[in-house]
Amino acid sequence: MSALKFAIIILIIPAALASAQSPGAALVRRAPALNGTVEGSVQVMTAESVTLNGGAVVTGDLLVPGTPTVRLNGNPTYGGTLDGTGATTPTTHKVTLNGNARLGHVVRRTDAIALPTVAAPPLPPIPPTQKPSPELKRTFKTLNHNPIEFYGRALDQFGKPVVGAEVSGVVLYNTGTKAGEKKVKTTTDAQGYFRFADLEGQDLGIGITKEGYEYRSRS
């Protein structure tokens, strides 16, 4: 069985609405072009042309709004055209059966129905936040209260001190429930020295910048 060119959206509607429609009809918003087989009837909700190509088969009827022209090309098997009690307009669209297509009837003047509004499904519940155990809290507290004191000196390629360079430091921390970084800054003195002190955390990263210089580290 060949595939359809367009997807058909099949809706399950309340019984009160279904009673006014052909039983077993699949409701489609847009008119499809069919190349395969549909078991049952199809109701097109918009007044657009419909084409059944080659070996397309609709075992039931094709229900359409308005009064479209039915055109037969080739040798289709067709049960004829019926008119319902709906509006006669529009009239500019067509139903075309090509080749050996098979269709029960075209039922014209079948007004579209108002589709029921389907509410969005509720969001899944948010799982409770898992709190760290007291032991884990103590471990992270120890890690994040390590005292950090760092001394360094900025020198140029000739071994001369770089005065007034900006030194940026980043202290990393992780409390078990919260992780982040704390930023600190200082500048080099007249001898190129700098110092970070009175800090606490897991780790310290630094960078040095000054216009006209390129940073290189040397342990």
Protein backbone atom coordinates (compact mmCIF):
# COMPACT_ATOMS: atom_id res chain seq x y z
CA MET A 1 0.00 0.00 0.00
CA SER A 2 1.50 3.32 -1.03
CA ALA A 3 1.91 6.22 1.39
CA LEU A 4 -0.13 9.42 1.54
CA LYS A 5 1.46 12.63 0.33
CA PHE A 6 -0.08 14.62 3.18
CA ALA A 7 -0.59 13.58 6.78
CA ILE A 8 -4.22 13.20 7.81
CA ILE A 9 -4.99 14.40 11.31
CA ILE A 10 -7.68 12.17 12.81
CA LEU A 11 -9.59 13.70 15.69
CA ILE A 12 -11.84 11.90 18.15
CA ILE A 13 -14.77 14.20 18.82
CA PRO A 14 -17.52 14.13 21.47
CA ALA A 15 -20.60 12.03 20.71
CA ALA A 16 -22.81 15.13 20.47
CA LEU A 17 -20.70 16.43 17.60
CA ALA A 18 -20.14 13.07 15.99
CA SER A 19 -23.87 12.41 15.69
CA ALA A 20 -24.17 15.26 13.18
CA GLN A 21 -21.40 13.85 10.94
CA SER A 22 -20.92 10.82 8.76
CA PRO A 23 -19.96 7.95 11.10
CA GLY A 24 -16.33 6.92 10.91
CA ALA A 25 -15.21 10.07 9.04
CA ALA A 26 -11.69 11.32 9.55
CA LEU A 27 -11.63 15.11 9.93
CA VAL A 28 -8.85 16.96 8.08
CA ARG A 29 -8.18 20.69 8.26
CA ARG A 30 -6.53 20.90 4.83
CA ALA A 31 -7.46 19.07 1.65
CA PRO A 32 -5.10 16.14 1.06
CA ALA A 33 -3.78 14.70 -2.18
CA LEU A 34 -4.21 10.94 -1.82
CA ASN A 35 -2.16 8.12 -3.33
CA GLY A 36 -2.89 5.38 -0.82
CA THR A 37 -5.90 3.86 0.89
CA VAL A 38 -8.18 5.36 3.54
CA GLU A 39 -10.51 2.92 5.28
CA GLY A 40 -13.71 4.87 5.90
CA SER A 41 -14.79 8.40 5.03
CA VAL A 42 -12.91 11.69 5.02
CA GLN A 43 -14.39 15.11 5.83
CA VAL A 44 -12.42 18.11 4.60
CA MET A 45 -12.87 21.12 6.90
CA THR A 46 -11.72 23.83 4.45
CA ALA A 47 -12.93 24.58 0.93
CA GLU A 48 -9.86 23.49 -1.01
CA SER A 49 -9.38 21.24 -4.02
CA VAL A 50 -8.89 17.52 -3.38
CA THR A 51 -7.13 15.09 -5.73
CA LEU A 52 -7.24 11.29 -5.62
CA ASN A 53 -4.39 10.06 -7.80
CA GLY A 54 -3.85 6.76 -9.59
CA GLY A 55 -4.64 3.92 -7.24
CA ALA A 56 -5.94 6.06 -4.37
CA VAL A 57 -8.85 4.46 -2.53
CA VAL A 58 -11.35 5.94 -0.07
CA THR A 59 -13.67 3.12 0.94
CA GLY A 60 -16.29 5.55 2.25
CA ASP A 61 -17.29 9.03 1.16
CA LEU A 62 -15.52 12.35 0.76
CA LEU A 63 -17.42 15.11 2.57
CA VAL A 64 -16.59 18.67 1.51
CA PRO A 65 -17.98 22.16 2.17
CA GLY A 66 -19.66 24.20 -0.56
CA THR A 67 -20.42 22.85 -4.03
CA PRO A 68 -17.13 22.00 -5.76
CA THR A 69 -16.93 20.64 -9.29
CA VAL A 70 -16.22 16.90 -9.54
CA ARG A 71 -13.80 16.01 -12.35
CA LEU A 72 -13.12 12.43 -13.51
CA ASN A 73 -9.94 11.63 -15.44
CA GLY A 74 -9.18 8.09 -16.65
CA ASN A 75 -11.25 5.21 -15.26
CA PRO A 76 -12.04 5.95 -11.62
CA THR A 77 -14.66 3.97 -9.71
CA TYR A 78 -17.07 6.55 -8.36
CA GLY A 79 -20.48 6.22 -6.71
CA GLY A 80 -21.69 9.69 -7.62
CA THR A 81 -22.26 13.11 -6.10
CA LEU A 82 -24.64 13.80 -3.21
CA ASP A 83 -25.61 17.14 -1.68
CA GLY A 84 -26.14 17.72 2.01
CA THR A 85 -28.03 20.56 3.68
CA GLY A 86 -25.10 22.92 4.32
CA ALA A 87 -24.09 26.12 2.57
CA THR A 88 -23.81 26.10 -1.22
CA THR A 89 -20.74 28.35 -1.22
CA PRO A 90 -17.91 28.44 -2.03
CA THR A 91 -17.94 26.92 -5.51
CA THR A 92 -14.40 27.55 -6.80
CA HIS A 93 -12.71 24.38 -5.54
CA LYS A 94 -12.61 20.97 -7.28
CA VAL A 95 -12.57 17.28 -6.49
CA THR A 96 -10.49 15.37 -9.07
CA LEU A 97 -10.36 11.57 -9.44
CA ASN A 98 -7.50 10.34 -11.63
CA GLY A 99 -6.61 6.97 -13.14
CA ASN A 100 -8.10 4.03 -11.26
CA ALA A 101 -8.97 5.93 -8.08
CA ARG A 102 -11.93 4.61 -6.07
CA LEU A 103 -14.38 6.66 -4.02
CA GLY A 104 -17.86 6.02 -2.70
CA HIS A 105 -19.44 9.45 -3.03
CA VAL A 106 -18.58 13.12 -2.90
CA VAL A 107 -20.98 14.59 -0.36
CA ARG A 108 -21.05 18.32 -0.99
CA ARG A 109 -22.57 21.05 1.22
CA THR A 110 -21.12 19.47 4.38
CA ASP A 111 -20.42 22.38 6.68
CA ALA A 112 -17.35 22.28 8.89
CA ILE A 113 -17.92 21.74 12.58
CA ALA A 114 -16.35 23.63 15.46
CA LEU A 115 -13.64 21.39 16.82
CA PRO A 116 -13.52 21.08 20.60
CA THR A 117 -10.77 22.92 22.42
CA VAL A 118 -8.34 20.53 24.00
CA ALA A 119 -6.62 21.88 27.08
CA ALA A 120 -2.87 21.51 27.40
CA PRO A 121 -1.85 18.61 29.63
CA PRO A 122 -0.76 19.57 33.12
CA LEU A 123 2.93 19.98 33.77
CA PRO A 124 4.57 17.10 35.59
CA PRO A 125 5.17 17.72 39.28
CA ILE A 126 8.55 19.14 40.20
CA PRO A 127 10.46 16.54 42.22
CA PRO A 128 11.52 17.68 45.67
CA THR A 129 15.05 19.00 45.94
CA GLN A 130 17.34 16.41 47.41
CA LYS A 131 19.22 17.93 50.31
CA PRO A 132 22.81 16.90 50.95
CA SER A 133 23.49 14.74 53.97
CA PRO A 134 25.16 16.28 57.06
CA GLU A 135 28.36 14.40 56.20
CA LEU A 136 28.38 15.86 52.68
CA LYS A 137 27.70 19.32 54.07
CA ARG A 138 30.69 19.02 56.40
CA THR A 139 32.87 17.84 53.50
CA PHE A 140 31.92 20.79 51.29
CA LYS A 141 32.24 23.19 54.21
CA THR A 142 35.81 21.99 54.73
CA LEU A 143 36.60 22.32 51.04
CA ASN A 144 35.10 25.77 50.77
CA HIS A 145 36.73 27.19 53.87
CA ASN A 146 40.29 26.46 52.87
CA PRO A 147 42.23 29.67 53.43
CA ILE A 148 43.76 31.02 50.22
CA GLU A 149 46.76 33.32 50.20
CA PHE A 150 48.67 33.92 46.98
CA TYR A 151 51.77 35.99 46.21
CA GLY A 152 53.19 36.67 42.79
CA ARG A 153 55.34 39.05 40.75
CA ALA A 154 54.92 40.34 37.20
CA LEU A 155 58.15 40.64 35.19
CA ASP A 156 58.81 41.49 31.56
CA GLN A 157 61.00 39.43 29.22
CA PHE A 158 64.07 41.23 30.54
CA GLY A 159 63.29 40.42 34.16
CA LYS A 160 62.17 43.94 34.98
CA PRO A 161 59.05 44.48 37.14
CA VAL A 162 55.78 45.39 35.42
CA VAL A 163 54.23 48.19 37.47
CA GLY A 164 50.48 48.82 37.65
CA ALA A 165 49.36 45.65 35.90
CA GLU A 166 45.83 44.53 36.74
CA VAL A 167 45.66 41.09 38.36
CA SER A 168 42.26 39.36 38.29
CA GLY A 169 41.53 36.42 40.55
CA VAL A 170 38.61 33.93 40.53
CA VAL A 171 37.86 31.86 43.64
CA LEU A 172 35.79 28.74 42.91
CA TYR A 173 33.37 27.36 45.47
CA ASN A 174 30.83 24.55 45.77
CA THR A 175 28.65 24.21 48.85
CA GLY A 176 26.89 21.03 47.72
CA THR A 177 23.69 22.91 46.89
CA LYS A 178 25.25 25.94 45.22
CA ALA A 179 28.34 26.40 43.08
CA GLY A 180 29.90 29.52 41.68
CA GLU A 181 32.85 31.88 41.69
CA LYS A 182 33.97 35.00 43.47
CA LYS A 183 36.01 37.58 41.57
CA VAL A 184 38.77 39.68 43.10
CA LYS A 185 41.23 42.23 41.68
CA THR A 186 44.45 43.95 42.60
CA THR A 187 47.39 45.71 40.90
CA THR A 188 51.13 45.18 40.94
CA ASP A 189 53.25 47.53 43.03
CA ALA A 190 56.44 49.41 42.12
CA GLN A 191 58.41 46.13 42.22
CA GLY A 192 55.81 44.16 40.24
CA TYR A 193 54.56 42.28 43.31
CA PHE A 194 50.92 41.47 44.04
CA ARG A 195 49.08 39.56 46.73
CA PHE A 196 45.71 37.89 47.35
CA ALA A 197 44.95 37.14 51.00
CA ASP A 198 42.02 36.49 53.37
CA LEU A 199 40.21 34.38 50.75
CA GLU A 200 38.40 31.07 51.25
CA GLY A 201 37.35 28.50 48.65
CA GLN A 202 38.37 25.46 46.64
CA ASP A 203 40.65 26.99 44.05
CA LEU A 204 42.06 30.26 42.74
CA GLY A 205 42.74 31.18 39.14
CA ILE A 206 44.52 34.38 38.12
CA GLY A 207 45.17 36.46 35.03
CA ILE A 208 47.35 39.57 34.49
CA THR A 209 46.70 42.28 31.95
CA LYS A 210 48.40 45.51 30.98
CA GLU A 211 48.28 47.40 27.74
CA GLY A 212 51.25 46.57 25.52
CA TYR A 213 52.04 43.30 27.34
CA GLU A 214 51.17 39.65 26.74
CA TYR A 215 50.63 37.41 29.75
CA ARG A 216 52.91 34.38 30.19
CA SER A 217 53.16 32.36 33.44
CA ARG A 218 56.44 31.07 34.89
CA SER A 219 56.55 28.94 38.03
